[in-house]
Protein backbone atom coordinates (compact mmCIF):
# COMPACT_ATOMS: atom_id res chain seq x y z
CA MET A 1 -51.89 12.13 -46.98
CA GLY A 2 -48.10 11.99 -46.82
CA SER A 3 -45.76 12.16 -49.75
CA LYS A 4 -45.74 9.07 -51.86
CA THR A 5 -42.39 7.33 -52.18
CA LEU A 6 -41.79 5.36 -55.31
CA SER A 7 -40.57 1.80 -55.17
CA ARG A 8 -36.85 1.34 -55.39
CA LYS A 9 -35.10 -1.00 -57.83
CA LYS A 10 -31.60 -2.24 -57.32
CA THR A 11 -29.47 -4.43 -59.56
CA ILE A 12 -26.88 -6.68 -57.93
CA LYS A 13 -24.40 -9.19 -59.29
CA ASP A 14 -23.63 -12.53 -57.70
CA ASP A 15 -20.27 -14.36 -57.63
CA MET A 16 -20.81 -15.89 -61.06
CA GLY A 17 -21.46 -12.55 -62.74
CA ARG A 18 -25.21 -12.96 -63.12
CA SER A 19 -27.22 -9.82 -62.44
CA LYS A 20 -30.47 -9.78 -60.51
CA THR A 21 -32.90 -6.92 -60.05
CA ILE A 22 -34.55 -6.50 -56.68
CA THR A 23 -37.67 -4.36 -56.34
CA LEU A 24 -38.44 -2.92 -52.92
CA ASP A 25 -41.87 -1.59 -52.08
CA ALA A 26 -42.43 2.02 -50.99
CA GLU A 27 -42.51 1.25 -47.25
CA VAL A 28 -39.15 -0.53 -47.28
CA SER A 29 -37.68 2.15 -49.51
CA GLU A 30 -38.81 4.86 -47.06
CA LYS A 31 -37.25 2.98 -44.13
CA LEU A 32 -33.98 2.67 -46.07
CA ASP A 33 -34.01 6.42 -46.74
CA GLU A 34 -34.54 7.12 -43.03
CA ALA A 35 -31.71 4.76 -42.13
CA ASP A 36 -29.42 6.51 -44.64
CA GLU A 37 -30.25 9.89 -43.05
CA ILE A 38 -29.54 8.55 -39.55
CA ASP A 39 -26.24 7.06 -40.75
CA ALA A 40 -25.20 10.33 -42.37
CA LYS A 41 -26.06 12.27 -39.20
CA ARG A 42 -24.08 9.80 -37.04
CA GLU A 43 -21.05 9.98 -39.35
CA LYS A 44 -21.14 13.78 -39.11
CA GLU A 45 -21.25 13.58 -35.28
CA ILE A 46 -18.30 11.17 -35.24
CA GLU A 47 -16.36 13.44 -37.60
CA GLU A 48 -16.97 16.39 -35.26
CA MET A 49 -15.76 14.37 -32.26
CA LEU A 50 -12.58 13.27 -34.07
CA LYS A 51 -11.72 16.72 -35.45
CA PRO A 52 -9.65 17.83 -32.40
CA LEU A 53 -7.70 14.57 -32.44
CA ARG A 54 -6.86 14.88 -36.13
CA GLU A 55 -5.54 18.41 -35.63
CA ARG A 56 -2.80 17.11 -33.32
CA SER A 57 0.20 15.35 -34.83
CA ASP A 58 1.02 11.73 -34.05
CA PHE A 59 4.14 12.82 -32.18
CA MET A 60 2.13 15.03 -29.84
CA LYS A 61 -0.32 12.20 -29.18
CA VAL A 62 2.56 9.98 -28.05
CA MET A 63 4.09 12.79 -25.99
CA ALA A 64 0.98 12.87 -23.81
CA PHE A 65 1.96 9.47 -22.39
CA ASN A 66 5.48 10.58 -21.41
CA ASN A 67 5.63 11.69 -17.83
CA PRO A 68 7.99 13.16 -16.60
CA LYS A 69 9.15 14.95 -19.74
CA ILE A 70 12.83 14.74 -18.74
CA ALA A 71 12.70 10.98 -19.41
CA ILE A 72 12.47 11.78 -23.14
CA PHE A 73 15.98 13.26 -23.18
CA LEU A 74 17.38 10.29 -21.26
CA ALA A 75 15.70 7.92 -23.72
CA CYS A 76 17.15 9.80 -26.72
CA PHE A 77 20.64 9.62 -25.19
CA CYS A 78 20.27 5.87 -24.55
CA VAL A 79 19.04 5.24 -28.09
CA ALA A 80 22.01 7.15 -29.51
CA ALA A 81 24.43 5.16 -27.32
CA ALA A 82 22.83 1.88 -28.37
CA GLY A 83 23.04 2.88 -32.03
CA LEU A 84 26.74 3.74 -31.76
CA CYS A 85 27.78 0.48 -30.06
CA GLN A 86 27.88 -1.74 -33.12
CA PRO A 87 29.76 0.64 -35.49
CA LEU A 88 32.23 1.49 -32.73
CA TYR A 89 32.81 -2.20 -32.01
CA GLY A 90 33.38 -2.86 -35.72
CA TRP A 91 35.94 -0.07 -35.98
CA VAL A 92 37.86 -1.14 -32.82
CA PHE A 93 37.79 -4.82 -33.82
CA SER A 94 39.10 -4.07 -37.33
CA GLU A 95 41.99 -2.05 -35.86
CA PHE A 96 42.74 -4.91 -33.47
CA LEU A 97 42.82 -7.42 -36.33
CA MET A 98 45.14 -5.15 -38.32
CA GLU A 99 47.62 -5.28 -35.39
CA LEU A 100 47.47 -9.09 -35.20
CA THR A 101 48.09 -9.79 -38.89
CA ILE A 102 51.52 -10.17 -40.41
CA PRO A 103 52.11 -7.74 -43.26
CA ILE A 104 53.15 -9.35 -46.53
CA ASN A 105 55.68 -7.56 -48.70
CA VAL A 106 54.90 -7.89 -52.36
CA TYR A 107 57.72 -7.03 -54.82
């Protein structure tokens, strides 16, 4: 004879807040326990597979797609140039407008 598993009781609540108690027989309860063990084992396997990926930083994951590596420096230079365009334009345009305006003397 195998070990006897007791029936399992579970209380759930529906959308209206009413609680119901479900009683599962020993056979169903044993199958649920087996399924829980399989799920736990699978989660542990997945965690082991993902461990090397989690050790690397997000930046290093993205760097793997950059080939050749020299393109990274070119991209950084282009981003800096693009970021400087608008402030430089604003400064030059404000100086230009200062030259076009007529100064007003206030006594």
